[in-house]
């Protein structure tokens, strides 16, 4: 069996696999909430790091660039599935801090999901889970890549939602035609089940789609979600 390369994102207890880091939507996803165990991270002959996840009735083998990345991935996976930060002396203080932050976020997410499940019984159309619903203008790209995409494809829209530089929050990149083309970036902080847009006056919204809608409505439609034409 051969490995297949993906750009991968962990949200909640779901792994999302993208064929390309600029792909607008994921090609596969895997719920790892039923994880039973994970092997130690070990290097292979090419210097990559491998480890395996055992789910209820099958096993998934993963490969990372090196052992540090492998241990970090394994650490986050165990944190969200076991609801505890793993005791691993090889993890750096910064990594452990982020895992504790993710742990608190995952606990709050589960409380919100469970609460939503109990109250949605009286609704005719319960809302979709935020785990699987992302705005069409979300791309797993860096700030520079987002700016390049907006420059090269002006007809596709002028607003991109992307991961933040710290990999735990988000950001909005926009391009506006004023006196001259103007590119701007805005932080979108994830706080529990809400998202905060870092403006002069902070704006708190319940979903990432609402974040995108806020920028569109505040500019009377001058900002449009970026959808790359295929």
C-alpha atoms as a PDB file:
ATOM      1  CA  UNK A   1       0.000   0.000   0.000  1.00  0.00           C
ATOM      2  CA  UNK A   2       1.165   3.511  -0.810  1.00  0.00           C
ATOM      3  CA  UNK A   3       0.692   6.731   1.128  1.00  0.00           C
ATOM      4  CA  UNK A   4      -1.342   9.507  -0.441  1.00  0.00           C
ATOM      5  CA  UNK A   5      -0.403  13.126   0.264  1.00  0.00           C
ATOM      6  CA  UNK A   6      -3.084  15.452   1.635  1.00  0.00           C
ATOM      7  CA  UNK A   7      -3.257  18.922   3.126  1.00  0.00           C
ATOM      8  CA  UNK A   8      -4.906  17.966   6.404  1.00  0.00           C
ATOM      9  CA  UNK A   9      -6.899  19.872   9.010  1.00  0.00           C
ATOM     10  CA  UNK A  10      -8.198  18.726  12.397  1.00  0.00           C
ATOM     11  CA  UNK A  11     -11.469  20.344  13.477  1.00  0.00           C
ATOM     12  CA  UNK A  12     -13.092  18.922  16.554  1.00  0.00           C
ATOM     13  CA  UNK A  13     -12.724  15.151  16.251  1.00  0.00           C
ATOM     14  CA  UNK A  14     -12.817  15.157  12.451  1.00  0.00           C
ATOM     15  CA  UNK A  15      -9.829  15.034  10.103  1.00  0.00           C
ATOM     16  CA  UNK A  16     -10.448  16.876   6.811  1.00  0.00           C
ATOM     17  CA  UNK A  17      -8.293  15.901   3.835  1.00  0.00           C
ATOM     18  CA  UNK A  18      -7.694  18.339   0.960  1.00  0.00           C
ATOM     19  CA  UNK A  19      -6.139  17.243  -2.338  1.00  0.00           C
ATOM     20  CA  UNK A  20      -4.420  20.629  -2.551  1.00  0.00           C
ATOM     21  CA  UNK A  21      -3.934  23.407  -0.011  1.00  0.00           C
ATOM     22  CA  UNK A  22      -5.802  25.776  -2.329  1.00  0.00           C
ATOM     23  CA  UNK A  23      -8.747  23.394  -2.782  1.00  0.00           C
ATOM     24  CA  UNK A  24     -12.025  25.104  -1.783  1.00  0.00           C
ATOM     25  CA  UNK A  25     -13.495  21.941  -0.256  1.00  0.00           C
ATOM     26  CA  UNK A  26     -12.151  18.771   1.286  1.00  0.00           C
ATOM     27  CA  UNK A  27     -12.079  15.530  -0.704  1.00  0.00           C
ATOM     28  CA  UNK A  28     -12.408  13.193   2.273  1.00  0.00           C
ATOM     29  CA  UNK A  29     -13.087  13.393   5.978  1.00  0.00           C
ATOM     30  CA  UNK A  30     -12.657  10.965   8.846  1.00  0.00           C
ATOM     31  CA  UNK A  31     -14.354  11.029  12.242  1.00  0.00           C
ATOM     32  CA  UNK A  32     -11.776   9.824  14.780  1.00  0.00           C
ATOM     33  CA  UNK A  33     -13.992  10.170  17.856  1.00  0.00           C
ATOM     34  CA  UNK A  34     -14.005   6.362  18.191  1.00  0.00           C
ATOM     35  CA  UNK A  35     -10.209   6.221  18.475  1.00  0.00           C
ATOM     36  CA  UNK A  36      -9.105   3.342  20.701  1.00  0.00           C
ATOM     37  CA  UNK A  37      -5.316   3.703  20.566  1.00  0.00           C
ATOM     38  CA  UNK A  38      -2.350   5.299  18.784  1.00  0.00           C
ATOM     39  CA  UNK A  39       1.122   3.861  18.273  1.00  0.00           C
ATOM     40  CA  UNK A  40       4.363   5.630  19.146  1.00  0.00           C
ATOM     41  CA  UNK A  41       5.775   7.981  16.517  1.00  0.00           C
ATOM     42  CA  UNK A  42       8.807   6.461  14.811  1.00  0.00           C
ATOM     43  CA  UNK A  43      11.051   7.615  11.926  1.00  0.00           C
ATOM     44  CA  UNK A  44      11.243   5.649   8.683  1.00  0.00           C
ATOM     45  CA  UNK A  45      14.187   5.229   6.335  1.00  0.00           C
ATOM     46  CA  UNK A  46      13.398   8.535   4.583  1.00  0.00           C
ATOM     47  CA  UNK A  47      13.340  10.621   7.758  1.00  0.00           C
ATOM     48  CA  UNK A  48       9.549  10.917   7.826  1.00  0.00           C
ATOM     49  CA  UNK A  49       7.622  10.094  10.986  1.00  0.00           C
ATOM     50  CA  UNK A  50       4.948   7.415  11.106  1.00  0.00           C
ATOM     51  CA  UNK A  51       2.259   6.450  13.560  1.00  0.00           C
ATOM     52  CA  UNK A  52      -0.986   4.515  13.371  1.00  0.00           C
ATOM     53  CA  UNK A  53      -4.456   5.209  14.719  1.00  0.00           C
ATOM     54  CA  UNK A  54      -6.674   2.283  15.679  1.00  0.00           C
ATOM     55  CA  UNK A  55     -10.398   2.963  15.365  1.00  0.00           C
ATOM     56  CA  UNK A  56     -13.265   0.614  16.200  1.00  0.00           C
ATOM     57  CA  UNK A  57     -12.668  -1.872  13.400  1.00  0.00           C
ATOM     58  CA  UNK A  58      -9.765  -0.655  11.272  1.00  0.00           C
ATOM     59  CA  UNK A  59      -6.395   1.089  11.362  1.00  0.00           C
ATOM     60  CA  UNK A  60      -5.126   4.249   9.693  1.00  0.00           C
ATOM     61  CA  UNK A  61      -1.393   4.832   9.220  1.00  0.00           C
ATOM     62  CA  UNK A  62      -0.205   8.436   8.994  1.00  0.00           C
ATOM     63  CA  UNK A  63       3.101   9.961   7.949  1.00  0.00           C
ATOM     64  CA  UNK A  64       4.370  13.430   8.857  1.00  0.00           C
ATOM     65  CA  UNK A  65       7.403  15.403   7.644  1.00  0.00           C
ATOM     66  CA  UNK A  66       9.464  14.592  10.730  1.00  0.00           C
ATOM     67  CA  UNK A  67       9.143  13.280  14.276  1.00  0.00           C
ATOM     68  CA  UNK A  68       8.389  16.700  15.776  1.00  0.00           C
ATOM     69  CA  UNK A  69       5.421  17.209  13.456  1.00  0.00           C
ATOM     70  CA  UNK A  70       4.350  13.607  13.969  1.00  0.00           C
ATOM     71  CA  UNK A  71       4.320  13.939  17.757  1.00  0.00           C
ATOM     72  CA  UNK A  72       2.471  17.238  17.510  1.00  0.00           C
ATOM     73  CA  UNK A  73      -0.227  15.720  15.269  1.00  0.00           C
ATOM     74  CA  UNK A  74      -0.565  12.724  17.558  1.00  0.00           C
ATOM     75  CA  UNK A  75      -0.749  15.034  20.587  1.00  0.00           C
ATOM     76  CA  UNK A  76      -3.616  17.083  19.160  1.00  0.00           C
ATOM     77  CA  UNK A  77      -5.462  13.950  18.023  1.00  0.00           C
ATOM     78  CA  UNK A  78      -5.238  12.419  21.505  1.00  0.00           C
ATOM     79  CA  UNK A  79      -6.226  15.714  23.115  1.00  0.00           C
ATOM     80  CA  UNK A  80      -9.537  16.010  21.234  1.00  0.00           C
ATOM     81  CA  UNK A  81     -10.432  12.310  21.310  1.00  0.00           C
ATOM     82  CA  UNK A  82      -9.455  11.502  24.907  1.00  0.00           C
ATOM     83  CA  UNK A  83     -10.244  14.987  26.278  1.00  0.00           C
ATOM     84  CA  UNK A  84      -6.869  15.198  27.994  1.00  0.00           C
ATOM     85  CA  UNK A  85      -3.440  16.488  27.026  1.00  0.00           C
ATOM     86  CA  UNK A  86      -1.043  13.528  26.620  1.00  0.00           C
ATOM     87  CA  UNK A  87       1.912  13.153  28.954  1.00  0.00           C
ATOM     88  CA  UNK A  88       4.772  13.343  26.466  1.00  0.00           C
ATOM     89  CA  UNK A  89       8.078  14.806  27.664  1.00  0.00           C
ATOM     90  CA  UNK A  90       9.205  15.400  24.075  1.00  0.00           C
ATOM     91  CA  UNK A  91       6.446  17.991  23.468  1.00  0.00           C
ATOM     92  CA  UNK A  92       7.566  21.618  23.692  1.00  0.00           C
ATOM     93  CA  UNK A  93       5.986  24.080  26.178  1.00  0.00           C
ATOM     94  CA  UNK A  94       4.384  26.012  23.333  1.00  0.00           C
ATOM     95  CA  UNK A  95       2.849  22.850  21.908  1.00  0.00           C
ATOM     96  CA  UNK A  96       1.473  21.849  25.307  1.00  0.00           C
ATOM     97  CA  UNK A  97      -0.029  25.318  25.789  1.00  0.00           C
ATOM     98  CA  UNK A  98      -1.833  25.074  22.453  1.00  0.00           C
ATOM     99  CA  UNK A  99      -3.086  21.581  23.301  1.00  0.00           C
ATOM    100  CA  UNK A 100      -4.538  22.839  26.573  1.00  0.00           C
ATOM    101  CA  UNK A 101      -6.271  25.651  24.665  1.00  0.00           C
ATOM    102  CA  UNK A 102      -7.640  23.163  22.117  1.00  0.00           C
ATOM    103  CA  UNK A 103      -8.794  20.923  24.957  1.00  0.00           C
ATOM    104  CA  UNK A 104     -10.883  23.710  26.482  1.00  0.00           C
ATOM    105  CA  UNK A 105     -12.290  24.600  23.067  1.00  0.00           C
ATOM    106  CA  UNK A 106     -13.241  20.973  22.387  1.00  0.00           C
ATOM    107  CA  UNK A 107     -14.966  20.655  25.775  1.00  0.00           C
ATOM    108  CA  UNK A 108     -17.033  23.771  25.028  1.00  0.00           C
ATOM    109  CA  UNK A 109     -17.806  22.515  21.517  1.00  0.00           C
ATOM    110  CA  UNK A 110     -19.137  19.219  22.855  1.00  0.00           C
ATOM    111  CA  UNK A 111     -21.304  20.999  25.395  1.00  0.00           C
ATOM    112  CA  UNK A 112     -22.712  23.202  22.610  1.00  0.00           C
ATOM    113  CA  UNK A 113     -23.302  20.216  20.292  1.00  0.00           C
ATOM    114  CA  UNK A 114     -25.039  18.230  23.025  1.00  0.00           C
ATOM    115  CA  UNK A 115     -27.138  21.229  23.951  1.00  0.00           C
ATOM    116  CA  UNK A 116     -28.032  21.789  20.307  1.00  0.00           C
ATOM    117  CA  UNK A 117     -29.041  18.143  19.910  1.00  0.00           C
ATOM    118  CA  UNK A 118     -31.498  18.332  22.787  1.00  0.00           C
ATOM    119  CA  UNK A 119     -33.089  21.610  21.706  1.00  0.00           C
ATOM    120  CA  UNK A 120     -33.260  20.853  17.979  1.00  0.00           C
ATOM    121  CA  UNK A 121     -35.945  18.190  18.497  1.00  0.00           C
ATOM    122  CA  UNK A 122     -38.604  20.888  18.373  1.00  0.00           C
ATOM    123  CA  UNK A 123     -37.243  22.497  15.213  1.00  0.00           C
ATOM    124  CA  UNK A 124     -38.379  21.562  11.728  1.00  0.00           C
ATOM    125  CA  UNK A 125     -34.910  22.077  10.257  1.00  0.00           C
ATOM    126  CA  UNK A 126     -32.055  21.900  12.798  1.00  0.00           C
ATOM    127  CA  UNK A 127     -28.884  23.749  11.759  1.00  0.00           C
ATOM    128  CA  UNK A 128     -26.005  21.820  10.211  1.00  0.00           C
ATOM    129  CA  UNK A 129     -22.995  21.087  12.374  1.00  0.00           C
ATOM    130  CA  UNK A 130     -20.280  23.735  12.101  1.00  0.00           C
ATOM    131  CA  UNK A 131     -17.788  20.867  11.856  1.00  0.00           C
ATOM    132  CA  UNK A 132     -18.837  20.046   8.303  1.00  0.00           C
ATOM    133  CA  UNK A 133     -20.107  23.435   7.099  1.00  0.00           C
ATOM    134  CA  UNK A 134     -17.478  25.919   6.007  1.00  0.00           C
ATOM    135  CA  UNK A 135     -18.037  29.035   3.891  1.00  0.00           C
ATOM    136  CA  UNK A 136     -17.365  28.518   0.179  1.00  0.00           C
ATOM    137  CA  UNK A 137     -14.601  31.130   0.359  1.00  0.00           C
ATOM    138  CA  UNK A 138     -12.536  29.133   2.893  1.00  0.00           C
ATOM    139  CA  UNK A 139      -9.123  28.081   1.564  1.00  0.00           C
ATOM    140  CA  UNK A 140      -6.329  26.414   3.542  1.00  0.00           C
ATOM    141  CA  UNK A 141      -3.714  28.919   2.347  1.00  0.00           C
ATOM    142  CA  UNK A 142      -1.266  31.383   3.892  1.00  0.00           C
ATOM    143  CA  UNK A 143      -1.709  35.157   3.900  1.00  0.00           C
ATOM    144  CA  UNK A 144       0.659  35.568   0.945  1.00  0.00           C
ATOM    145  CA  UNK A 145      -1.055  32.822  -1.041  1.00  0.00           C
ATOM    146  CA  UNK A 146      -4.483  34.341  -0.374  1.00  0.00           C
ATOM    147  CA  UNK A 147      -3.286  37.741  -1.577  1.00  0.00           C
ATOM    148  CA  UNK A 148      -1.864  36.189  -4.746  1.00  0.00           C
ATOM    149  CA  UNK A 149      -5.127  34.345  -5.410  1.00  0.00           C
ATOM    150  CA  UNK A 150      -7.114  37.578  -5.139  1.00  0.00           C
ATOM    151  CA  UNK A 151      -4.682  39.449  -7.408  1.00  0.00           C
ATOM    152  CA  UNK A 152      -4.690  36.785 -10.126  1.00  0.00           C
ATOM    153  CA  UNK A 153      -8.421  36.022 -10.107  1.00  0.00           C
ATOM    154  CA  UNK A 154     -10.309  39.330  -9.663  1.00  0.00           C
ATOM    155  CA  UNK A 155     -13.446  37.946 -11.344  1.00  0.00           C
ATOM    156  CA  UNK A 156     -13.800  35.175  -8.739  1.00  0.00           C
ATOM    157  CA  UNK A 157     -14.470  37.481  -5.794  1.00  0.00           C
ATOM    158  CA  UNK A 158     -12.433  39.562  -3.382  1.00  0.00           C
ATOM    159  CA  UNK A 159     -12.790  37.949   0.080  1.00  0.00           C
ATOM    160  CA  UNK A 160     -11.024  34.817   1.337  1.00  0.00           C
ATOM    161  CA  UNK A 161     -11.423  33.102   4.697  1.00  0.00           C
ATOM    162  CA  UNK A 162      -8.267  31.217   5.682  1.00  0.00           C
ATOM    163  CA  UNK A 163      -6.524  29.679   8.692  1.00  0.00           C
ATOM    164  CA  UNK A 164      -4.752  32.151  10.965  1.00  0.00           C
ATOM    165  CA  UNK A 165      -0.967  32.187  11.240  1.00  0.00           C
ATOM    166  CA  UNK A 166      -1.194  30.494  14.636  1.00  0.00           C
ATOM    167  CA  UNK A 167      -3.208  27.580  13.118  1.00  0.00           C
ATOM    168  CA  UNK A 168      -5.902  27.781  15.811  1.00  0.00           C
ATOM    169  CA  UNK A 169      -7.806  30.885  14.693  1.00  0.00           C
ATOM    170  CA  UNK A 170      -8.843  32.286  11.312  1.00  0.00           C
ATOM    171  CA  UNK A 171      -8.271  35.349   9.151  1.00  0.00           C
ATOM    172  CA  UNK A 172     -10.040  37.285   6.404  1.00  0.00           C
ATOM    173  CA  UNK A 173      -8.080  38.577   3.407  1.00  0.00           C
ATOM    174  CA  UNK A 174      -9.781  41.129   1.141  1.00  0.00           C
ATOM    175  CA  UNK A 175      -8.877  43.074  -1.989  1.00  0.00           C
ATOM    176  CA  UNK A 176     -10.685  46.295  -2.819  1.00  0.00           C
ATOM    177  CA  UNK A 177     -10.384  48.596  -5.813  1.00  0.00           C
ATOM    178  CA  UNK A 178     -10.177  52.063  -4.283  1.00  0.00           C
ATOM    179  CA  UNK A 179      -7.832  54.726  -5.707  1.00  0.00           C
ATOM    180  CA  UNK A 180      -5.531  51.750  -6.166  1.00  0.00           C
ATOM    181  CA  UNK A 181      -5.888  48.031  -5.364  1.00  0.00           C
ATOM    182  CA  UNK A 182      -5.916  47.681  -1.578  1.00  0.00           C
ATOM    183  CA  UNK A 183      -5.228  44.401   0.234  1.00  0.00           C
ATOM    184  CA  UNK A 184      -6.152  43.989   3.905  1.00  0.00           C
ATOM    185  CA  UNK A 185      -6.146  41.202   6.474  1.00  0.00           C
ATOM    186  CA  UNK A 186      -8.344  40.844   9.551  1.00  0.00           C
ATOM    187  CA  UNK A 187      -7.973  38.438  12.464  1.00  0.00           C
ATOM    188  CA  UNK A 188     -10.922  36.225  13.357  1.00  0.00           C
ATOM    189  CA  UNK A 189     -10.477  34.795  16.845  1.00  0.00           C
ATOM    190  CA  UNK A 190     -12.223  31.585  17.858  1.00  0.00           C
ATOM    191  CA  UNK A 191     -13.685  31.852  21.347  1.00  0.00           C
ATOM    192  CA  UNK A 192     -15.697  28.853  22.497  1.00  0.00           C
ATOM    193  CA  UNK A 193     -18.583  28.569  20.047  1.00  0.00           C
ATOM    194  CA  UNK A 194     -18.249  32.174  18.799  1.00  0.00           C
ATOM    195  CA  UNK A 195     -15.910  34.099  16.487  1.00  0.00           C
ATOM    196  CA  UNK A 196     -14.558  37.592  17.147  1.00  0.00           C
ATOM    197  CA  UNK A 197     -13.533  39.903  14.291  1.00  0.00           C
ATOM    198  CA  UNK A 198     -10.607  42.063  15.420  1.00  0.00           C
ATOM    199  CA  UNK A 199     -11.761  45.526  14.323  1.00  0.00           C
ATOM    200  CA  UNK A 200     -11.532  48.899  16.102  1.00  0.00           C
ATOM    201  CA  UNK A 201     -14.667  47.720  17.826  1.00  0.00           C
ATOM    202  CA  UNK A 202     -14.759  43.949  18.179  1.00  0.00           C
ATOM    203  CA  UNK A 203     -17.629  42.112  16.505  1.00  0.00           C
ATOM    204  CA  UNK A 204     -18.740  38.742  17.911  1.00  0.00           C
ATOM    205  CA  UNK A 205     -20.661  36.331  15.679  1.00  0.00           C
ATOM    206  CA  UNK A 206     -21.893  32.733  16.093  1.00  0.00           C
ATOM    207  CA  UNK A 207     -20.377  31.161  12.953  1.00  0.00           C
ATOM    208  CA  UNK A 208     -17.738  31.624  10.275  1.00  0.00           C
ATOM    209  CA  UNK A 209     -20.485  32.046   7.672  1.00  0.00           C
ATOM    210  CA  UNK A 210     -21.820  34.943   9.714  1.00  0.00           C
ATOM    211  CA  UNK A 211     -18.300  36.426   9.711  1.00  0.00           C
ATOM    212  CA  UNK A 212     -18.239  36.337   5.904  1.00  0.00           C
ATOM    213  CA  UNK A 213     -21.795  37.731   5.697  1.00  0.00           C
ATOM    214  CA  UNK A 214     -20.814  40.602   8.012  1.00  0.00           C
ATOM    215  CA  UNK A 215     -18.084  41.806   5.634  1.00  0.00           C
ATOM    216  CA  UNK A 216     -20.410  41.496   2.639  1.00  0.00           C
ATOM    217  CA  UNK A 217     -23.299  43.408   4.234  1.00  0.00           C
ATOM    218  CA  UNK A 218     -21.111  46.100   5.810  1.00  0.00           C
ATOM    219  CA  UNK A 219     -19.690  46.937   2.371  1.00  0.00           C
ATOM    220  CA  UNK A 220     -23.120  46.816   0.662  1.00  0.00           C
ATOM    221  CA  UNK A 221     -21.975  43.872  -1.424  1.00  0.00           C
ATOM    222  CA  UNK A 222     -18.712  45.412  -2.591  1.00  0.00           C
ATOM    223  CA  UNK A 223     -16.937  42.465  -0.991  1.00  0.00           C
ATOM    224  CA  UNK A 224     -17.851  39.122  -2.520  1.00  0.00           C
ATOM    225  CA  UNK A 225     -16.804  35.630  -1.306  1.00  0.00           C
ATOM    226  CA  UNK A 226     -13.962  34.284  -3.444  1.00  0.00           C
ATOM    227  CA  UNK A 227     -14.914  31.101  -5.342  1.00  0.00           C
ATOM    228  CA  UNK A 228     -12.171  29.783  -7.601  1.00  0.00           C
ATOM    229  CA  UNK A 229     -13.572  28.737 -10.959  1.00  0.00           C
ATOM    230  CA  UNK A 230     -12.643  25.211 -12.062  1.00  0.00           C
END
